[in-house]
Amino acid sequence: MKQHKVRNNALKAQLRTPMFKMQQQTPKKGKGSYSRKGRHAQKGSSSIGVSALRGHRQAA
């Protein structure tokens, strides 16, 4: 994170922090709400598991 030097206006320097940065919110319904990924795809629908696909041992 880049540090800004406070010269004479502490409030102006505080507004430049990432705390007040604009955030893009995706709508849940309506225009622009379509998501390519399934909502519950990673919840455990597969019986193998993600760790088995990566080559990790499963505890028996």
PDB file of N, CA and C in Angstrom:
ATOM      1  N   MET A   1       0.846  -1.172   0.000  1.00  0.00           N
ATOM      2  CA  MET A   1       0.000   0.000   0.000  1.00  0.00           C
ATOM      3  C   MET A   1       0.891   1.235   0.000  1.00  0.00           C
ATOM      4  N   LYS A   2       0.517   2.196  -0.786  1.00  0.00           N
ATOM      5  CA  LYS A   2       1.302   3.409  -0.915  1.00  0.00           C
ATOM      6  C   LYS A   2       0.969   4.379   0.215  1.00  0.00           C
ATOM      7  N   GLN A   3       1.986   4.883   0.863  1.00  0.00           N
ATOM      8  CA  GLN A   3       1.781   5.825   1.962  1.00  0.00           C
ATOM      9  C   GLN A   3       1.797   7.255   1.414  1.00  0.00           C
ATOM     10  N   HIS A   4       0.766   8.021   1.749  1.00  0.00           N
ATOM     11  CA  HIS A   4       0.699   9.423   1.355  1.00  0.00           C
ATOM     12  C   HIS A   4       1.145  10.285   2.530  1.00  0.00           C
ATOM     13  N   LYS A   5       1.864  11.319   2.222  1.00  0.00           N
ATOM     14  CA  LYS A   5       2.352  12.226   3.250  1.00  0.00           C
ATOM     15  C   LYS A   5       1.264  13.247   3.588  1.00  0.00           C
ATOM     16  N   VAL A   6       0.946  13.384   4.862  1.00  0.00           N
ATOM     17  CA  VAL A   6      -0.052  14.348   5.308  1.00  0.00           C
ATOM     18  C   VAL A   6       0.631  15.700   5.440  1.00  0.00           C
ATOM     19  N   ARG A   7       0.146  16.662   4.659  1.00  0.00           N
ATOM     20  CA  ARG A   7       0.771  17.991   4.690  1.00  0.00           C
ATOM     21  C   ARG A   7      -0.003  18.951   5.584  1.00  0.00           C
ATOM     22  N   ASN A   8      -1.226  19.287   5.163  1.00  0.00           N
ATOM     23  CA  ASN A   8      -1.943  20.285   5.955  1.00  0.00           C
ATOM     24  C   ASN A   8      -3.401  19.910   6.229  1.00  0.00           C
ATOM     25  N   ASN A   9      -3.966  18.953   5.527  1.00  0.00           N
ATOM     26  CA  ASN A   9      -5.373  18.639   5.707  1.00  0.00           C
ATOM     27  C   ASN A   9      -5.520  17.144   6.014  1.00  0.00           C
ATOM     28  N   ALA A  10      -5.735  16.826   7.274  1.00  0.00           N
ATOM     29  CA  ALA A  10      -5.829  15.432   7.694  1.00  0.00           C
ATOM     30  C   ALA A  10      -7.100  14.766   7.172  1.00  0.00           C
ATOM     31  N   LEU A  11      -8.201  15.521   7.049  1.00  0.00           N
ATOM     32  CA  LEU A  11      -9.446  14.945   6.545  1.00  0.00           C
ATOM     33  C   LEU A  11      -9.321  14.554   5.080  1.00  0.00           C
ATOM     34  N   LYS A  12      -8.673  15.380   4.296  1.00  0.00           N
ATOM     35  CA  LYS A  12      -8.466  15.079   2.886  1.00  0.00           C
ATOM     36  C   LYS A  12      -7.574  13.851   2.730  1.00  0.00           C
ATOM     37  N   ALA A  13      -6.577  13.723   3.585  1.00  0.00           N
ATOM     38  CA  ALA A  13      -5.700  12.557   3.543  1.00  0.00           C
ATOM     39  C   ALA A  13      -6.453  11.297   3.955  1.00  0.00           C
ATOM     40  N   GLN A  14      -7.373  11.418   4.884  1.00  0.00           N
ATOM     41  CA  GLN A  14      -8.153  10.267   5.330  1.00  0.00           C
ATOM     42  C   GLN A  14      -9.089   9.780   4.229  1.00  0.00           C
ATOM     43  N   LEU A  15      -9.623  10.701   3.418  1.00  0.00           N
ATOM     44  CA  LEU A  15     -10.515  10.315   2.332  1.00  0.00           C
ATOM     45  C   LEU A  15      -9.790   9.583   1.215  1.00  0.00           C
ATOM     46  N   ARG A  16      -8.485   9.725   1.120  1.00  0.00           N
ATOM     47  CA  ARG A  16      -7.713   9.058   0.081  1.00  0.00           C
ATOM     48  C   ARG A  16      -7.358   7.617   0.439  1.00  0.00           C
ATOM     49  N   THR A  17      -7.693   7.169   1.628  1.00  0.00           N
ATOM     50  CA  THR A  17      -7.378   5.810   2.050  1.00  0.00           C
ATOM     51  C   THR A  17      -8.309   4.816   1.349  1.00  0.00           C
ATOM     52  N   PRO A  18      -7.926   3.534   1.263  1.00  0.00           N
ATOM     53  CA  PRO A  18      -8.781   2.529   0.614  1.00  0.00           C
ATOM     54  C   PRO A  18     -10.109   2.288   1.327  1.00  0.00           C
ATOM     55  N   MET A  19     -10.250   2.774   2.552  1.00  0.00           N
ATOM     56  CA  MET A  19     -11.498   2.605   3.282  1.00  0.00           C
ATOM     57  C   MET A  19     -12.658   3.308   2.567  1.00  0.00           C
ATOM     58  N   PHE A  20     -12.395   4.410   1.889  1.00  0.00           N
ATOM     59  CA  PHE A  20     -13.437   5.183   1.216  1.00  0.00           C
ATOM     60  C   PHE A  20     -13.419   4.977  -0.291  1.00  0.00           C
ATOM     61  N   LYS A  21     -12.813   3.886  -0.767  1.00  0.00           N
ATOM     62  CA  LYS A  21     -12.757   3.606  -2.197  1.00  0.00           C
ATOM     63  C   LYS A  21     -14.118   3.101  -2.671  1.00  0.00           C
ATOM     64  N   MET A  22     -14.526   3.493  -3.874  1.00  0.00           N
ATOM     65  CA  MET A  22     -15.800   3.054  -4.423  1.00  0.00           C
ATOM     66  C   MET A  22     -15.745   1.558  -4.702  1.00  0.00           C
ATOM     67  N   GLN A  23     -16.821   0.854  -4.384  1.00  0.00           N
ATOM     68  CA  GLN A  23     -16.895  -0.585  -4.614  1.00  0.00           C
ATOM     69  C   GLN A  23     -18.013  -0.897  -5.591  1.00  0.00           C
ATOM     70  N   GLN A  24     -17.741  -1.848  -6.495  1.00  0.00           N
ATOM     71  CA  GLN A  24     -18.738  -2.283  -7.463  1.00  0.00           C
ATOM     72  C   GLN A  24     -19.533  -3.427  -6.854  1.00  0.00           C
ATOM     73  N   GLN A  25     -20.837  -3.285  -6.817  1.00  0.00           N
ATOM     74  CA  GLN A  25     -21.684  -4.330  -6.255  1.00  0.00           C
ATOM     75  C   GLN A  25     -22.437  -5.014  -7.383  1.00  0.00           C
ATOM     76  N   THR A  26     -22.419  -6.352  -7.400  1.00  0.00           N
ATOM     77  CA  THR A  26     -23.153  -7.087  -8.421  1.00  0.00           C
ATOM     78  C   THR A  26     -24.585  -7.294  -7.943  1.00  0.00           C
ATOM     79  N   PRO A  27     -25.559  -7.009  -8.802  1.00  0.00           N
ATOM     80  CA  PRO A  27     -26.948  -7.156  -8.387  1.00  0.00           C
ATOM     81  C   PRO A  27     -27.346  -8.621  -8.253  1.00  0.00           C
ATOM     82  N   LYS A  28     -28.231  -8.912  -7.310  1.00  0.00           N
ATOM     83  CA  LYS A  28     -28.703 -10.283  -7.105  1.00  0.00           C
ATOM     84  C   LYS A  28     -29.838 -10.623  -8.060  1.00  0.00           C
ATOM     85  N   LYS A  29     -30.654  -9.626  -8.398  1.00  0.00           N
ATOM     86  CA  LYS A  29     -31.764  -9.840  -9.316  1.00  0.00           C
ATOM     87  C   LYS A  29     -31.752  -8.733 -10.359  1.00  0.00           C
ATOM     88  N   GLY A  30     -32.300  -9.033 -11.539  1.00  0.00           N
ATOM     89  CA  GLY A  30     -32.453  -8.004 -12.554  1.00  0.00           C
ATOM     90  C   GLY A  30     -31.289  -7.936 -13.523  1.00  0.00           C
ATOM     91  N   LYS A  31     -31.108  -6.763 -14.100  1.00  0.00           N
ATOM     92  CA  LYS A  31     -30.110  -6.559 -15.148  1.00  0.00           C
ATOM     93  C   LYS A  31     -28.696  -6.696 -14.589  1.00  0.00           C
ATOM     94  N   GLY A  32     -27.883  -7.520 -15.239  1.00  0.00           N
ATOM     95  CA  GLY A  32     -26.499  -7.703 -14.821  1.00  0.00           C
ATOM     96  C   GLY A  32     -26.303  -8.713 -13.715  1.00  0.00           C
ATOM     97  N   SER A  33     -27.334  -9.487 -13.394  1.00  0.00           N
ATOM     98  CA  SER A  33     -27.222 -10.408 -12.269  1.00  0.00           C
ATOM     99  C   SER A  33     -26.840 -11.825 -12.686  1.00  0.00           C
ATOM    100  N   TYR A  34     -26.726 -12.091 -13.995  1.00  0.00           N
ATOM    101  CA  TYR A  34     -26.417 -13.447 -14.451  1.00  0.00           C
ATOM    102  C   TYR A  34     -25.002 -13.827 -14.067  1.00  0.00           C
ATOM    103  N   SER A  35     -24.840 -15.018 -13.520  1.00  0.00           N
ATOM    104  CA  SER A  35     -23.530 -15.531 -13.147  1.00  0.00           C
ATOM    105  C   SER A  35     -23.288 -16.834 -13.888  1.00  0.00           C
ATOM    106  N   ARG A  36     -22.130 -16.981 -14.506  1.00  0.00           N
ATOM    107  CA  ARG A  36     -21.807 -18.203 -15.248  1.00  0.00           C
ATOM    108  C   ARG A  36     -21.577 -19.379 -14.313  1.00  0.00           C
ATOM    109  N   LYS A  37     -21.047 -19.125 -13.143  1.00  0.00           N
ATOM    110  CA  LYS A  37     -20.771 -20.197 -12.195  1.00  0.00           C
ATOM    111  C   LYS A  37     -22.049 -20.560 -11.446  1.00  0.00           C
ATOM    112  N   GLY A  38     -22.182 -21.843 -11.130  1.00  0.00           N
ATOM    113  CA  GLY A  38     -23.326 -22.303 -10.362  1.00  0.00           C
ATOM    114  C   GLY A  38     -23.247 -21.786  -8.940  1.00  0.00           C
ATOM    115  N   ARG A  39     -24.381 -21.616  -8.314  1.00  0.00           N
ATOM    116  CA  ARG A  39     -24.396 -21.053  -6.962  1.00  0.00           C
ATOM    117  C   ARG A  39     -23.817 -22.013  -5.942  1.00  0.00           C
ATOM    118  N   HIS A  40     -24.116 -23.301  -6.069  1.00  0.00           N
ATOM    119  CA  HIS A  40     -23.691 -24.266  -5.063  1.00  0.00           C
ATOM    120  C   HIS A  40     -22.829 -25.357  -5.686  1.00  0.00           C
ATOM    121  N   ALA A  41     -21.966 -25.003  -6.606  1.00  0.00           N
ATOM    122  CA  ALA A  41     -21.149 -25.994  -7.306  1.00  0.00           C
ATOM    123  C   ALA A  41     -20.087 -26.594  -6.397  1.00  0.00           C
ATOM    124  N   GLN A  42     -19.536 -25.847  -5.453  1.00  0.00           N
ATOM    125  CA  GLN A  42     -18.437 -26.313  -4.610  1.00  0.00           C
ATOM    126  C   GLN A  42     -18.899 -26.826  -3.250  1.00  0.00           C
ATOM    127  N   LYS A  43     -20.183 -27.028  -3.048  1.00  0.00           N
ATOM    128  CA  LYS A  43     -20.693 -27.406  -1.727  1.00  0.00           C
ATOM    129  C   LYS A  43     -20.457 -28.869  -1.373  1.00  0.00           C
ATOM    130  N   GLY A  44     -19.878 -29.684  -2.272  1.00  0.00           N
ATOM    131  CA  GLY A  44     -19.650 -31.085  -1.962  1.00  0.00           C
ATOM    132  C   GLY A  44     -20.561 -31.991  -2.759  1.00  0.00           C
ATOM    133  N   SER A  45     -20.910 -31.584  -3.970  1.00  0.00           N
ATOM    134  CA  SER A  45     -21.786 -32.403  -4.790  1.00  0.00           C
ATOM    135  C   SER A  45     -21.052 -33.611  -5.356  1.00  0.00           C
ATOM    136  N   SER A  46     -19.719 -33.571  -5.427  1.00  0.00           N
ATOM    137  CA  SER A  46     -18.960 -34.710  -5.939  1.00  0.00           C
ATOM    138  C   SER A  46     -18.561 -35.626  -4.786  1.00  0.00           C
ATOM    139  N   SER A  47     -18.490 -36.930  -5.066  1.00  0.00           N
ATOM    140  CA  SER A  47     -18.134 -37.885  -4.025  1.00  0.00           C
ATOM    141  C   SER A  47     -16.626 -38.031  -3.877  1.00  0.00           C
ATOM    142  N   ILE A  48     -15.847 -37.610  -4.894  1.00  0.00           N
ATOM    143  CA  ILE A  48     -14.392 -37.762  -4.851  1.00  0.00           C
ATOM    144  C   ILE A  48     -13.774 -36.727  -3.924  1.00  0.00           C
ATOM    145  N   GLY A  49     -14.121 -35.496  -4.110  1.00  0.00           N
ATOM    146  CA  GLY A  49     -13.567 -34.419  -3.300  1.00  0.00           C
ATOM    147  C   GLY A  49     -12.440 -33.712  -4.035  1.00  0.00           C
ATOM    148  N   VAL A  50     -12.217 -32.478  -3.685  1.00  0.00           N
ATOM    149  CA  VAL A  50     -11.210 -31.658  -4.338  1.00  0.00           C
ATOM    150  C   VAL A  50      -9.814 -32.112  -3.963  1.00  0.00           C
ATOM    151  N   SER A  51      -9.608 -32.551  -2.727  1.00  0.00           N
ATOM    152  CA  SER A  51      -8.278 -32.960  -2.291  1.00  0.00           C
ATOM    153  C   SER A  51      -7.818 -34.220  -3.013  1.00  0.00           C
ATOM    154  N   ALA A  52      -8.740 -35.101  -3.380  1.00  0.00           N
ATOM    155  CA  ALA A  52      -8.364 -36.312  -4.108  1.00  0.00           C
ATOM    156  C   ALA A  52      -7.936 -35.980  -5.527  1.00  0.00           C
ATOM    157  N   LEU A  53      -8.528 -34.952  -6.105  1.00  0.00           N
ATOM    158  CA  LEU A  53      -8.150 -34.555  -7.455  1.00  0.00           C
ATOM    159  C   LEU A  53      -6.771 -33.929  -7.485  1.00  0.00           C
ATOM    160  N   ARG A  54      -6.373 -33.306  -6.407  1.00  0.00           N
ATOM    161  CA  ARG A  54      -5.070 -32.648  -6.346  1.00  0.00           C
ATOM    162  C   ARG A  54      -3.951 -33.607  -5.961  1.00  0.00           C
ATOM    163  N   GLY A  55      -4.272 -34.825  -5.581  1.00  0.00           N
ATOM    164  CA  GLY A  55      -3.257 -35.810  -5.255  1.00  0.00           C
ATOM    165  C   GLY A  55      -2.976 -35.955  -3.779  1.00  0.00           C
ATOM    166  N   HIS A  56      -3.792 -35.370  -2.920  1.00  0.00           N
ATOM    167  CA  HIS A  56      -3.587 -35.489  -1.479  1.00  0.00           C
ATOM    168  C   HIS A  56      -4.181 -36.804  -0.981  1.00  0.00           C
ATOM    169  N   ARG A  57      -3.613 -37.329   0.077  1.00  0.00           N
ATOM    170  CA  ARG A  57      -4.130 -38.557   0.672  1.00  0.00           C
ATOM    171  C   ARG A  57      -5.340 -38.249   1.532  1.00  0.00           C
ATOM    172  N   GLN A  58      -6.271 -39.176   1.527  1.00  0.00           N
ATOM    173  CA  GLN A  58      -7.449 -39.015   2.370  1.00  0.00           C
ATOM    174  C   GLN A  58      -7.253 -39.800   3.654  1.00  0.00           C
ATOM    175  N   ALA A  59      -7.674 -39.238   4.758  1.00  0.00           N
ATOM    176  CA  ALA A  59      -7.565 -39.919   6.050  1.00  0.00           C
ATOM    177  C   ALA A  59      -8.631 -41.002   6.129  1.00  0.00           C
ATOM    178  N   ALA A  60      -8.224 -42.204   6.492  1.00  0.00           N
ATOM    179  CA  ALA A  60      -9.169 -43.325   6.546  1.00  0.00           C
ATOM    180  C   ALA A  60      -9.611 -43.608   7.962  1.00  0.00           C
TER     181      ALA A  60
END
